[in-house]
Structure formats: C-alpha cells, structure tokens
N, C-alpha and C. Protein backbone atom coordinates (compact mmCIF):
# COMPACT_ATOMS: atom_id res chain seq x y z
N MET A 1 156.54 101.94 98.42
CA MET A 1 157.86 102.03 97.70
C MET A 1 158.79 103.18 98.24
N ALA A 2 160.08 102.76 98.14
CA ALA A 2 161.00 103.72 98.71
C ALA A 2 162.02 104.18 97.60
N ALA A 3 162.17 105.44 97.64
CA ALA A 3 163.46 106.09 96.76
C ALA A 3 164.65 106.21 97.68
N SER A 4 165.70 105.43 97.29
CA SER A 4 166.90 105.45 98.19
C SER A 4 167.95 105.93 97.58
N TRP A 5 168.71 106.86 98.22
CA TRP A 5 169.84 107.50 97.47
C TRP A 5 171.09 107.32 98.51
N CYS A 6 172.11 106.84 97.87
CA CYS A 6 173.20 106.54 98.87
C CYS A 6 174.65 106.99 98.24
N ILE A 7 175.48 107.64 98.91
CA ILE A 7 176.80 108.00 98.53
C ILE A 7 177.61 106.81 99.01
N THR A 8 177.73 105.74 98.25
CA THR A 8 178.36 104.60 98.59
C THR A 8 178.50 103.59 97.57
N SER A 9 179.62 102.70 97.66
CA SER A 9 179.78 101.71 96.53
C SER A 9 179.60 100.24 97.04
N SER A 10 178.74 100.15 97.80
CA SER A 10 178.41 98.74 98.62
C SER A 10 177.55 97.85 97.60
N PRO A 11 177.60 96.63 97.82
CA PRO A 11 176.94 95.76 96.84
C PRO A 11 175.47 95.91 97.05
N PHE A 12 174.79 95.66 96.04
CA PHE A 12 173.17 95.83 95.93
C PHE A 12 172.45 94.66 96.54
N ILE A 13 172.94 94.11 97.66
CA ILE A 13 172.16 93.09 98.50
C ILE A 13 172.26 93.54 99.91
N SER A 14 170.93 93.49 100.53
CA SER A 14 171.09 94.05 101.98
C SER A 14 169.93 93.00 102.71
N LYS A 15 170.48 92.24 103.72
CA LYS A 15 169.49 91.62 104.36
C LYS A 15 168.50 90.73 103.73
N GLY A 16 168.97 90.13 102.67
CA GLY A 16 168.12 89.38 101.79
C GLY A 16 167.16 89.95 100.94
N VAL A 17 167.30 91.31 100.79
CA VAL A 17 166.33 92.11 99.82
C VAL A 17 167.25 92.34 98.56
N SER A 18 166.75 92.03 97.53
CA SER A 18 167.61 92.36 96.20
C SER A 18 167.23 93.92 95.85
N LEU A 19 168.41 94.68 96.06
CA LEU A 19 168.39 96.07 95.62
C LEU A 19 168.21 96.32 94.12
N THR A 20 169.04 95.39 93.40
CA THR A 20 168.97 95.20 91.93
C THR A 20 167.65 95.10 91.37
N ALA A 21 166.88 94.12 92.03
CA ALA A 21 165.48 93.98 91.62
C ALA A 21 164.70 95.14 91.75
N ALA A 22 164.82 95.69 92.92
CA ALA A 22 164.12 97.14 93.24
C ALA A 22 164.45 98.15 92.19
N LYS A 23 165.76 98.25 91.85
CA LYS A 23 166.04 99.17 90.98
C LYS A 23 165.41 99.00 89.58
N GLU A 24 165.46 97.65 89.14
CA GLU A 24 164.76 97.31 87.97
C GLU A 24 163.31 97.76 87.79
N ARG A 25 162.69 97.41 88.88
CA ARG A 25 161.29 97.79 89.06
C ARG A 25 160.91 99.21 89.14
N GLY A 26 161.95 100.16 89.34
CA GLY A 26 161.83 101.53 89.40
C GLY A 26 161.57 101.95 90.90
N GLN A 27 161.77 101.02 91.76
CA GLN A 27 161.59 101.46 93.24
C GLN A 27 162.74 101.88 93.89
N LEU A 28 163.87 101.93 93.21
CA LEU A 28 165.18 102.44 93.87
C LEU A 28 165.93 103.30 92.91
N VAL A 29 166.49 104.29 93.33
CA VAL A 29 167.45 105.31 92.57
C VAL A 29 168.73 105.24 93.42
N PHE A 30 169.68 104.96 92.70
CA PHE A 30 170.91 104.69 93.60
C PHE A 30 172.00 105.42 92.83
N LEU A 31 172.62 106.24 93.56
CA LEU A 31 173.81 107.03 93.24
C LEU A 31 175.11 106.45 93.91
N GLU A 32 175.84 105.85 92.82
CA GLU A 32 177.06 105.27 93.32
C GLU A 32 178.26 106.44 93.24
N GLY A 33 178.54 106.84 94.55
CA GLY A 33 179.46 107.92 94.84
C GLY A 33 180.79 107.77 94.20
N LEU A 34 181.45 106.62 94.30
CA LEU A 34 182.77 106.32 93.95
C LEU A 34 182.89 106.45 92.40
N LYS A 35 181.94 105.91 91.68
CA LYS A 35 181.85 105.95 90.16
C LYS A 35 181.69 107.42 89.72
N SER A 36 180.85 108.21 90.54
CA SER A 36 180.58 109.65 90.13
C SER A 36 181.74 110.40 90.30
N CYS A 37 182.51 110.06 91.51
CA CYS A 37 183.79 110.84 91.74
C CYS A 37 184.75 110.77 90.55
N PHE A 38 184.90 109.47 90.24
CA PHE A 38 186.03 109.33 88.97
C PHE A 38 185.45 109.94 87.68
N ASP A 39 184.28 109.82 87.51
CA ASP A 39 183.61 110.64 86.33
C ASP A 39 183.85 112.07 86.34
N VAL A 40 183.86 112.68 87.44
CA VAL A 40 184.13 114.20 87.65
C VAL A 40 185.49 114.42 87.37
N LEU A 41 186.37 113.74 88.08
CA LEU A 41 187.85 113.94 88.08
C LEU A 41 188.65 113.40 86.86
N PHE A 42 188.24 112.32 86.16
CA PHE A 42 188.80 111.75 85.34
C PHE A 42 188.02 111.38 83.92
N GLY A 43 186.60 111.62 84.05
CA GLY A 43 185.72 111.16 83.03
C GLY A 43 185.58 112.43 82.03
N GLU A 44 184.75 112.05 80.99
CA GLU A 44 184.40 112.97 79.86
C GLU A 44 183.64 114.05 80.40
N GLU A 45 183.57 115.09 79.48
CA GLU A 45 182.92 116.29 80.08
C GLU A 45 181.36 116.01 79.99
N GLN A 46 180.61 116.59 81.06
CA GLN A 46 179.21 116.04 81.24
C GLN A 46 178.40 116.77 79.99
N ARG A 47 177.32 115.89 79.62
CA ARG A 47 176.54 116.43 78.69
C ARG A 47 175.59 117.65 79.11
N VAL A 48 175.14 118.50 78.28
CA VAL A 48 174.44 119.63 78.54
C VAL A 48 173.06 119.26 79.24
N GLY A 49 172.88 119.76 80.19
CA GLY A 49 171.64 119.45 80.97
C GLY A 49 171.49 118.29 81.85
N GLN A 50 172.75 117.70 81.88
CA GLN A 50 172.86 116.45 82.87
C GLN A 50 174.19 116.56 83.65
N PRO A 51 174.08 117.59 84.60
CA PRO A 51 175.38 117.67 85.46
C PRO A 51 175.57 116.53 86.32
N ASN A 52 176.86 116.16 86.74
CA ASN A 52 177.04 115.23 87.62
C ASN A 52 176.82 115.67 89.12
N PRO A 53 175.99 114.68 89.73
CA PRO A 53 175.61 115.09 91.13
C PRO A 53 176.69 115.66 92.04
N LEU A 54 178.00 114.96 91.79
CA LEU A 54 179.12 115.27 92.60
C LEU A 54 180.05 116.41 92.03
N GLN A 55 179.35 117.13 91.09
CA GLN A 55 180.24 118.26 90.41
C GLN A 55 180.91 119.22 91.29
N PHE A 56 180.41 119.31 92.47
CA PHE A 56 181.15 120.21 93.65
C PHE A 56 182.63 119.85 93.84
N ILE A 57 182.95 118.50 93.53
CA ILE A 57 184.30 118.23 93.92
C ILE A 57 185.33 118.88 93.04
N SER A 58 185.03 119.21 91.81
CA SER A 58 185.80 119.91 90.98
C SER A 58 185.83 121.45 91.06
N GLU A 59 184.77 121.87 91.93
CA GLU A 59 184.76 123.21 92.11
C GLU A 59 185.22 123.66 93.44
N ASP A 60 184.51 124.74 94.11
CA ASP A 60 185.03 125.10 95.37
C ASP A 60 184.64 124.44 96.42
N GLY A 61 183.83 123.24 96.16
CA GLY A 61 183.25 122.43 97.27
C GLY A 61 182.24 122.91 98.20
N SER A 62 181.65 123.98 97.72
CA SER A 62 180.41 124.59 98.71
C SER A 62 179.19 124.50 97.99
N ASN A 63 178.96 124.21 96.90
CA ASN A 63 177.74 124.30 96.22
C ASN A 63 177.32 122.86 95.81
N LEU A 64 176.16 122.50 96.63
CA LEU A 64 175.65 120.99 96.66
C LEU A 64 174.41 120.97 95.89
N LYS A 65 174.22 122.24 94.94
CA LYS A 65 172.95 122.25 94.31
C LYS A 65 172.58 121.17 93.36
N THR A 66 173.63 120.90 92.60
CA THR A 66 173.52 119.71 91.65
C THR A 66 173.09 118.43 92.34
N MET A 67 173.63 118.15 93.40
CA MET A 67 173.24 116.93 94.26
C MET A 67 171.97 116.92 94.67
N TYR A 68 171.47 118.20 95.36
CA TYR A 68 170.18 118.31 95.48
C TYR A 68 169.06 118.08 94.47
N GLU A 69 169.50 118.58 93.36
CA GLU A 69 168.79 118.48 92.08
C GLU A 69 168.51 117.00 91.54
N PHE A 70 169.70 116.38 92.02
CA PHE A 70 169.44 114.82 91.54
C PHE A 70 168.48 114.28 92.50
N VAL A 71 168.46 114.44 93.79
CA VAL A 71 167.54 114.04 94.64
C VAL A 71 166.09 114.37 94.30
N ARG A 72 165.85 115.77 93.96
CA ARG A 72 164.68 116.20 93.70
C ARG A 72 164.03 115.59 92.49
N THR A 73 164.98 115.59 91.29
CA THR A 73 164.38 115.13 90.05
C THR A 73 164.27 113.60 90.07
N SER A 74 164.91 112.87 90.91
CA SER A 74 164.81 111.49 90.98
C SER A 74 163.37 111.05 91.65
N LEU A 75 162.92 112.02 92.53
CA LEU A 75 161.74 111.68 93.12
C LEU A 75 160.60 112.18 92.44
N MET A 76 160.79 113.34 91.69
CA MET A 76 159.62 113.82 90.71
C MET A 76 159.56 113.07 89.36
N ALA A 77 160.51 112.55 88.97
CA ALA A 77 160.55 112.06 87.42
C ALA A 77 159.50 111.19 87.11
N SER A 78 159.09 110.29 87.98
CA SER A 78 158.25 109.30 87.59
C SER A 78 156.66 109.66 88.04
N GLY A 79 156.50 110.75 88.44
CA GLY A 79 155.19 111.28 88.89
C GLY A 79 154.95 110.99 90.35
N SER A 80 154.03 111.97 90.92
CA SER A 80 153.91 111.81 92.38
C SER A 80 153.19 110.50 92.90
N ASP A 81 152.52 109.83 92.03
CA ASP A 81 151.97 108.60 92.68
C ASP A 81 152.97 107.44 92.73
N SER A 82 154.11 107.55 91.98
CA SER A 82 155.12 106.44 92.06
C SER A 82 155.95 106.66 93.20
N TRP A 83 156.00 107.89 93.82
CA TRP A 83 156.91 108.07 94.79
C TRP A 83 156.19 108.42 96.17
N LYS A 84 155.24 107.75 96.33
CA LYS A 84 154.33 108.09 97.69
C LYS A 84 155.12 107.64 98.77
N CYS A 85 155.37 108.64 99.70
CA CYS A 85 156.02 108.38 100.91
C CYS A 85 157.48 107.74 100.76
N PRO A 86 158.33 108.40 100.05
CA PRO A 86 159.66 107.97 99.72
C PRO A 86 160.62 108.16 100.90
N VAL A 87 161.53 107.40 101.03
CA VAL A 87 162.62 107.23 101.97
C VAL A 87 164.06 107.62 101.28
N LEU A 88 164.67 108.55 101.83
CA LEU A 88 166.09 109.08 101.27
C LEU A 88 167.10 108.61 102.29
N LEU A 89 168.04 107.85 101.60
CA LEU A 89 168.98 107.24 102.47
C LEU A 89 170.39 107.93 102.24
N VAL A 90 170.91 108.49 102.96
CA VAL A 90 172.28 109.14 102.83
C VAL A 90 173.36 108.54 103.67
N ASP A 91 174.21 107.69 103.04
CA ASP A 91 175.11 106.84 103.56
C ASP A 91 176.60 107.17 102.87
N ASP A 92 177.56 108.00 103.66
CA ASP A 92 177.16 108.57 104.92
C ASP A 92 177.40 110.08 104.85
N LEU A 93 176.95 110.90 105.57
CA LEU A 93 177.05 112.29 105.45
C LEU A 93 178.39 112.83 105.73
N SER A 94 179.17 112.10 106.65
CA SER A 94 180.60 112.51 106.92
C SER A 94 181.56 112.50 105.80
N VAL A 95 181.04 111.86 104.68
CA VAL A 95 182.01 111.89 103.50
C VAL A 95 182.16 113.12 102.93
N LEU A 96 181.02 113.92 103.02
CA LEU A 96 180.91 115.35 102.42
C LEU A 96 182.00 116.07 103.09
N LEU A 97 182.00 116.01 104.43
CA LEU A 97 182.88 116.71 105.16
C LEU A 97 184.40 116.44 104.80
N SER A 98 184.59 115.17 104.65
CA SER A 98 185.96 114.66 104.24
C SER A 98 186.38 115.18 102.91
N LEU A 99 185.49 115.55 102.13
CA LEU A 99 185.63 116.08 100.60
C LEU A 99 185.85 117.44 100.65
N GLY A 100 185.75 118.14 101.92
CA GLY A 100 185.92 119.45 102.00
C GLY A 100 184.68 120.50 101.95
N VAL A 101 183.55 119.81 101.94
CA VAL A 101 182.40 120.65 102.12
C VAL A 101 182.13 121.23 103.46
N ARG A 102 181.90 122.65 103.37
CA ARG A 102 181.56 123.21 104.63
C ARG A 102 180.43 122.71 105.47
N PRO A 103 180.46 122.71 106.74
CA PRO A 103 179.36 122.15 107.50
C PRO A 103 177.99 122.85 107.40
N VAL A 104 178.05 124.13 107.00
CA VAL A 104 176.94 125.02 106.82
C VAL A 104 176.19 124.51 105.32
N ASP A 105 176.99 124.15 104.42
CA ASP A 105 176.57 123.82 103.26
C ASP A 105 175.83 122.44 103.31
N VAL A 106 176.63 121.59 104.06
CA VAL A 106 175.91 120.15 104.38
C VAL A 106 174.66 120.32 105.07
N LEU A 107 174.47 121.13 105.95
CA LEU A 107 173.25 121.14 106.72
C LEU A 107 172.22 122.05 105.86
N ASP A 108 172.53 122.84 104.88
CA ASP A 108 171.69 123.53 104.02
C ASP A 108 171.24 122.41 102.92
N PHE A 109 171.93 121.54 102.53
CA PHE A 109 171.56 120.51 101.66
C PHE A 109 170.62 119.49 102.29
N ILE A 110 170.90 119.13 103.72
CA ILE A 110 169.81 118.25 104.47
C ILE A 110 168.50 119.20 104.58
N HIS A 111 168.66 120.58 104.78
CA HIS A 111 167.37 121.23 105.00
C HIS A 111 166.50 121.21 103.74
N TYR A 112 167.06 121.53 102.65
CA TYR A 112 166.37 121.31 101.32
C TYR A 112 165.78 120.03 100.99
N CYS A 113 166.56 118.86 101.37
CA CYS A 113 166.03 117.58 101.17
C CYS A 113 164.91 117.25 102.19
N ARG A 114 164.89 117.85 103.26
CA ARG A 114 163.86 117.70 104.27
C ARG A 114 162.51 118.25 103.83
N VAL A 115 162.67 119.44 103.24
CA VAL A 115 161.50 120.20 102.59
C VAL A 115 160.88 119.32 101.41
N ALA A 116 161.75 118.94 100.61
CA ALA A 116 161.22 118.15 99.47
C ALA A 116 160.71 116.85 99.79
N VAL A 117 161.30 116.05 100.65
CA VAL A 117 161.01 114.58 100.87
C VAL A 117 160.05 114.55 102.09
N CYS A 118 160.29 115.46 103.17
CA CYS A 118 159.40 115.21 104.31
C CYS A 118 158.37 116.07 104.18
N SER A 119 158.29 117.35 103.92
CA SER A 119 157.23 118.27 103.80
C SER A 119 156.35 118.14 102.50
N GLN A 120 156.95 117.99 101.43
CA GLN A 120 156.06 118.04 100.21
C GLN A 120 155.60 116.55 99.88
N LEU A 121 156.43 115.59 100.05
CA LEU A 121 156.21 114.14 99.72
C LEU A 121 155.74 113.39 101.06
N GLN A 122 155.74 113.77 102.08
CA GLN A 122 155.46 113.13 103.27
C GLN A 122 156.37 111.76 103.49
N GLY A 123 157.47 111.85 103.12
CA GLY A 123 158.45 110.81 103.29
C GLY A 123 159.23 111.06 104.41
N ASN A 124 160.34 110.19 104.41
CA ASN A 124 161.42 110.32 105.62
C ASN A 124 162.74 110.37 105.16
N ILE A 125 163.77 110.71 105.93
CA ILE A 125 165.17 110.87 105.76
C ILE A 125 165.99 110.07 106.57
N VAL A 126 166.67 109.16 106.27
CA VAL A 126 167.60 108.44 107.13
C VAL A 126 169.04 108.89 106.78
N VAL A 127 169.70 109.39 107.70
CA VAL A 127 171.19 109.92 107.51
C VAL A 127 172.17 109.10 108.56
N LEU A 128 173.18 108.76 107.90
CA LEU A 128 174.33 108.06 108.75
C LEU A 128 175.39 109.07 108.81
N VAL A 129 175.90 109.42 110.11
CA VAL A 129 176.95 110.14 110.46
C VAL A 129 177.94 109.46 111.53
N HIS A 130 179.23 109.83 111.58
CA HIS A 130 180.11 109.12 112.55
C HIS A 130 180.41 110.17 113.62
N SER A 131 180.52 109.65 114.86
CA SER A 131 180.90 110.52 115.84
C SER A 131 181.35 109.81 117.09
N SER A 132 182.21 110.48 117.99
CA SER A 132 182.65 109.84 119.25
C SER A 132 182.82 110.66 120.37
N ASP A 133 182.92 110.33 121.46
CA ASP A 133 182.83 111.18 122.69
C ASP A 133 184.26 111.85 122.74
N ASP A 134 185.38 111.57 122.18
CA ASP A 134 186.59 111.98 122.24
C ASP A 134 187.01 112.75 120.93
N SER A 135 186.11 113.00 120.02
CA SER A 135 186.26 113.53 118.68
C SER A 135 186.78 114.95 118.81
N GLU A 136 187.79 115.21 118.02
CA GLU A 136 188.36 116.62 117.94
C GLU A 136 188.01 117.28 116.67
N ASP A 137 187.20 116.53 115.87
CA ASP A 137 186.56 117.26 114.62
C ASP A 137 185.49 118.14 114.80
N GLU A 138 185.67 119.31 114.99
CA GLU A 138 184.57 120.29 115.42
C GLU A 138 183.54 120.47 114.29
N GLU A 139 184.10 120.41 113.04
CA GLU A 139 183.02 120.50 112.13
C GLU A 139 182.03 119.45 111.97
N ASN A 140 182.61 118.16 112.06
CA ASN A 140 181.68 116.90 112.14
C ASN A 140 180.84 116.91 113.37
N GLU A 141 181.46 117.31 114.49
CA GLU A 141 180.47 117.16 115.59
C GLU A 141 179.32 118.24 115.55
N LEU A 142 179.68 119.50 114.82
CA LEU A 142 178.61 120.54 114.49
C LEU A 142 177.49 119.86 113.74
N VAL A 143 177.81 119.08 112.76
CA VAL A 143 176.77 118.36 111.84
C VAL A 143 176.00 117.54 112.73
N VAL A 144 176.95 116.60 113.40
CA VAL A 144 176.12 115.73 114.20
C VAL A 144 175.09 116.06 115.22
N ASN A 145 175.53 117.08 116.00
CA ASN A 145 174.70 117.81 116.82
C ASN A 145 173.41 118.52 116.26
N SER A 146 173.72 119.12 115.10
CA SER A 146 172.43 119.76 114.35
C SER A 146 171.45 118.63 113.93
N LEU A 147 172.09 117.54 113.44
CA LEU A 147 171.09 116.43 113.10
C LEU A 147 170.41 115.82 114.19
N CYS A 148 171.04 115.73 115.24
CA CYS A 148 170.40 115.20 116.59
C CYS A 148 169.10 116.28 116.78
N HIS A 149 169.50 117.44 116.92
CA HIS A 149 168.50 118.26 117.28
C HIS A 149 167.26 118.34 116.26
N GLN A 150 167.34 117.93 115.02
CA GLN A 150 166.31 118.09 114.03
C GLN A 150 165.64 116.64 113.84
N SER A 151 166.28 115.64 114.52
CA SER A 151 165.87 114.20 114.20
C SER A 151 164.73 114.01 115.08
N ASN A 152 163.71 113.04 114.66
CA ASN A 152 162.63 112.51 115.54
C ASN A 152 163.00 111.23 116.23
N LEU A 153 164.10 110.47 115.41
CA LEU A 153 164.43 109.22 116.21
C LEU A 153 165.97 109.09 115.85
N ILE A 154 166.76 108.89 116.92
CA ILE A 154 168.14 108.68 116.93
C ILE A 154 168.56 107.21 117.26
N LEU A 155 169.38 106.62 116.28
CA LEU A 155 169.92 105.38 116.75
C LEU A 155 171.40 105.50 116.71
N TRP A 156 171.93 105.15 118.06
CA TRP A 156 173.34 105.43 118.38
C TRP A 156 174.04 104.16 118.63
N ALA A 157 174.76 103.57 117.51
CA ALA A 157 175.38 102.42 117.56
C ALA A 157 176.83 102.55 118.14
N GLU A 158 177.26 101.88 119.18
CA GLU A 158 178.81 101.99 119.67
C GLU A 158 179.11 100.79 120.28
N GLY A 159 180.50 100.64 120.43
CA GLY A 159 181.05 99.34 121.05
C GLY A 159 180.75 99.29 122.50
N LEU A 160 181.18 98.16 123.11
CA LEU A 160 180.94 97.99 124.42
C LEU A 160 182.17 98.62 125.26
N ALA A 161 181.74 99.33 126.28
CA ALA A 161 182.79 100.05 127.16
C ALA A 161 183.57 99.18 127.81
N THR A 162 183.19 97.89 128.11
CA THR A 162 184.10 96.99 128.68
C THR A 162 185.10 96.27 127.80
N GLY A 163 184.96 96.47 126.33
CA GLY A 163 185.87 95.93 125.59
C GLY A 163 185.26 94.57 124.70
N PHE A 164 186.21 93.84 124.20
CA PHE A 164 185.74 92.86 123.19
C PHE A 164 184.97 91.67 123.85
N CYS A 165 183.78 91.18 123.23
CA CYS A 165 183.16 90.07 123.69
C CYS A 165 182.73 89.27 122.53
N LYS A 166 182.86 88.13 122.54
CA LYS A 166 182.49 87.30 121.30
C LYS A 166 180.98 87.04 121.10
N ASP A 167 180.12 87.46 122.18
CA ASP A 167 178.82 87.20 122.10
C ASP A 167 177.97 88.42 122.17
N VAL A 168 178.72 89.60 122.34
CA VAL A 168 178.08 90.94 122.30
C VAL A 168 179.02 91.76 121.61
N HIS A 169 178.66 92.22 120.43
CA HIS A 169 179.57 93.08 119.61
C HIS A 169 179.42 94.54 119.66
N GLY A 170 178.21 95.11 120.43
CA GLY A 170 178.15 96.46 120.88
C GLY A 170 176.72 96.68 121.52
N GLN A 171 176.31 98.06 121.55
CA GLN A 171 175.01 98.32 121.95
C GLN A 171 174.49 99.41 121.04
N LEU A 172 173.10 99.41 121.06
CA LEU A 172 172.37 100.29 120.40
C LEU A 172 171.57 101.20 121.34
N LYS A 173 171.78 102.47 121.23
CA LYS A 173 170.87 103.53 121.99
C LYS A 173 169.75 103.87 121.23
N ILE A 174 168.57 103.86 121.46
CA ILE A 174 167.53 104.35 120.74
C ILE A 174 166.88 105.69 121.56
N ILE A 175 166.79 106.67 120.87
CA ILE A 175 166.17 107.97 121.41
C ILE A 175 165.01 108.44 120.55
N GLN A 176 163.79 108.16 121.03
CA GLN A 176 162.66 108.61 120.38
C GLN A 176 162.21 109.98 121.07
N LYS A 177 162.09 111.17 120.28
CA LYS A 177 162.03 112.37 120.89
C LYS A 177 160.35 112.44 120.93
N GLY A 178 159.83 113.21 122.06
CA GLY A 178 158.58 113.52 122.15
C GLY A 178 158.08 114.52 121.42
N SER A 179 156.72 114.48 121.21
CA SER A 179 156.00 115.56 120.23
C SER A 179 156.39 117.07 120.63
N SER A 180 156.90 117.71 119.77
CA SER A 180 156.98 119.29 120.11
C SER A 180 155.84 120.03 120.48
N GLU A 181 154.75 119.49 120.16
CA GLU A 181 153.56 120.25 120.37
C GLU A 181 153.17 119.79 121.93
N LEU A 182 153.51 118.74 122.33
CA LEU A 182 153.21 118.39 123.80
C LEU A 182 154.48 118.63 124.59
N LYS A 183 154.70 119.69 125.23
CA LYS A 183 155.96 119.86 125.86
C LYS A 183 156.25 118.86 127.25
N ALA A 184 154.88 118.49 127.65
CA ALA A 184 155.17 117.51 128.81
C ALA A 184 155.54 116.13 128.40
N GLU A 185 155.52 115.81 127.06
CA GLU A 185 155.71 114.35 126.66
C GLU A 185 157.29 114.27 126.67
N ARG A 186 157.79 113.34 127.33
CA ARG A 186 159.26 113.09 127.38
C ARG A 186 159.83 112.22 126.38
N ASN A 187 161.22 112.34 126.02
CA ASN A 187 161.68 111.39 125.23
C ASN A 187 162.00 110.01 125.78
N LEU A 188 161.62 109.09 124.69
CA LEU A 188 161.95 107.72 125.14
C LEU A 188 163.35 107.30 124.96
N PHE A 189 163.72 106.67 125.93
CA PHE A 189 165.36 106.18 125.88
C PHE A 189 165.47 104.71 126.15
N ARG A 190 166.05 103.91 125.14
CA ARG A 190 166.20 102.62 125.43
C ARG A 190 167.49 102.15 124.95
N ILE A 191 168.03 100.94 125.58
CA ILE A 191 169.29 100.56 125.11
C ILE A 191 169.13 99.09 124.88
N TYR A 192 169.72 98.65 123.72
CA TYR A 192 169.84 97.15 123.33
C TYR A 192 171.24 96.85 123.04
N GLN A 193 171.61 95.62 123.29
CA GLN A 193 172.92 95.19 122.79
C GLN A 193 172.70 94.31 121.39
N TYR A 194 173.79 94.04 120.77
CA TYR A 194 173.56 93.30 119.59
C TYR A 194 174.65 92.31 119.14
N LYS A 195 174.41 91.54 118.42
CA LYS A 195 175.60 90.53 117.92
C LYS A 195 175.31 90.43 116.38
N ILE A 196 176.43 90.79 115.74
CA ILE A 196 176.48 90.66 114.09
C ILE A 196 176.65 89.35 113.67
N GLN A 197 175.72 88.70 112.93
CA GLN A 197 175.99 87.44 112.40
C GLN A 197 176.30 87.58 110.81
N ASP A 198 176.29 86.34 110.18
CA ASP A 198 176.81 86.41 108.67
C ASP A 198 175.60 87.26 107.85
N LYS A 199 174.31 86.96 108.10
CA LYS A 199 173.40 87.65 107.37
C LYS A 199 172.21 88.37 108.14
N ASN A 200 172.53 88.54 109.35
CA ASN A 200 171.53 88.98 110.22
C ASN A 200 172.30 89.70 111.45
N VAL A 201 171.51 90.49 112.21
CA VAL A 201 171.94 90.99 113.54
C VAL A 201 170.86 90.68 114.56
N THR A 202 171.40 90.21 115.74
CA THR A 202 170.47 89.80 116.76
C THR A 202 170.57 90.92 117.95
N PHE A 203 169.36 91.36 118.34
CA PHE A 203 169.17 92.35 119.35
C PHE A 203 168.51 91.74 120.70
N PHE A 204 169.09 92.23 121.73
CA PHE A 204 168.62 91.63 123.12
C PHE A 204 168.87 92.77 124.14
N ALA A 205 168.05 92.59 125.24
CA ALA A 205 168.28 93.42 126.44
C ALA A 205 169.52 93.37 126.98
N ARG A 206 170.01 94.37 127.63
CA ARG A 206 171.31 94.10 128.44
C ARG A 206 171.30 93.14 129.50
N GLY A 207 172.34 92.35 129.55
CA GLY A 207 172.37 91.15 130.41
C GLY A 207 171.59 89.89 129.94
N MET A 208 171.28 89.96 128.78
CA MET A 208 170.52 88.74 128.30
C MET A 208 171.29 88.04 127.24
N SER A 209 172.46 88.26 127.15
CA SER A 209 173.26 87.59 125.98
C SER A 209 173.45 86.16 126.29
N VAL A 210 173.93 85.34 125.52
CA VAL A 210 174.50 84.02 125.62
C VAL A 210 175.44 84.04 126.67
N ALA A 211 176.38 84.84 126.73
CA ALA A 211 177.62 84.98 127.68
C ALA A 211 177.13 85.04 128.91
N VAL A 212 176.09 85.71 129.25
CA VAL A 212 175.61 85.96 130.59
C VAL A 212 174.74 84.75 131.12
N LEU A 213 173.69 84.35 130.24
CA LEU A 213 172.72 83.34 130.53
C LEU A 213 173.43 81.91 130.55
C-alpha cells in the first residue's frame, strides 16, 4: 500500500487506477493544495490542534513545519502495519518556490520527509520539479541540483531538440546512480522516446518510432 501526498488539484483518476477507491480503502492520503490555499486565505479560523498544512502562506513563508507534520501524522495515524513501505508523492515542489518559500526551507522539508519516510518507514519519495538548460531562476536550479544529488533515480522528461513530431512527443532520460558504497560502480544512463496517447504513454528506443520505421 502507498501513502501518496500531492500539492495539486488534479482529478482522482490516473492510468486506469481509481485513486478515489484507494482513498476510501485508506490506502491514499491526498492533500488538495488549491482548496487548502483558499481555506488559509479566505476560510474560517482553523480549529485548535488541527492547523492547515499550508498555514505558511499566511505567515512569513519560511516555516513548513505544519506541512511536514501533516505528512508525518498521515503516515503514523493508522499504525505502522498499515503504512508499510509508503510512497510520498510531491507534485510539484516548484510550487513552493512560487509561493515565496526559501530554497533552504524547501530542502529542509524534503530532508525531514526523507528521514520519516525513507529511513524510519523504509519507503520512497517521488518529487516533481521543473527545470531547463536556459533557466534564469537560480533558486529553482539550486533545489533541482540538490535533489539530483540526493536522488537514486532521476527521470528527466523533455521535448525533442528537433522540434514537433506527431509520432514522438519527447524523450525521457533515466539516470540510475551506482551504489555509494561501491565507488567503482558507474551510473546507468538510458534514453527513451515517448508518445502520449489518450489513456497511456508509449515508450520506445530512439529511432524506433512509427515515423522512422
């Protein structure tokens, strides 16, 4: 079972999996960021003992403790057996920077989440961030580079350098880092191209698309 946490207002359906059903079964904890933002800015006062996870929006924007506490209590509330090997999904971390949170506070938040999810519960964290080669956003690039340094697996989705193609929508770079204990073990680097369909995504090796074959 996976505990998933998202700052997003996307529908509860993904690749044929009903996230609504998973939520009803207690397998999914979902934070709807847009609604939480409106509650903080225009809603009623929070009840004692139940602070809004996005309370930092109405403050100085540097204290993400309430958001971390939401993650921690969501994983601990049902007991350790219910959340064995949980997965924390953050979609996407760049939103926090757009809301004025400092990079150091964003990285501290991820650090504490890694301790709780990865070290204590033996789970995983999946984080979405945005970046580009010509980006002038130094704060965002600082967060991206720090996350790349900490991650074991990096999936880098980007468009084609040659421009638009109806049969190939982009390429995915996969970087799997070697073990830190074995210094001689090299990183694995692979590139696939993809085409986005209505309810699916097709991956194939470079030069193996319908347009080429």
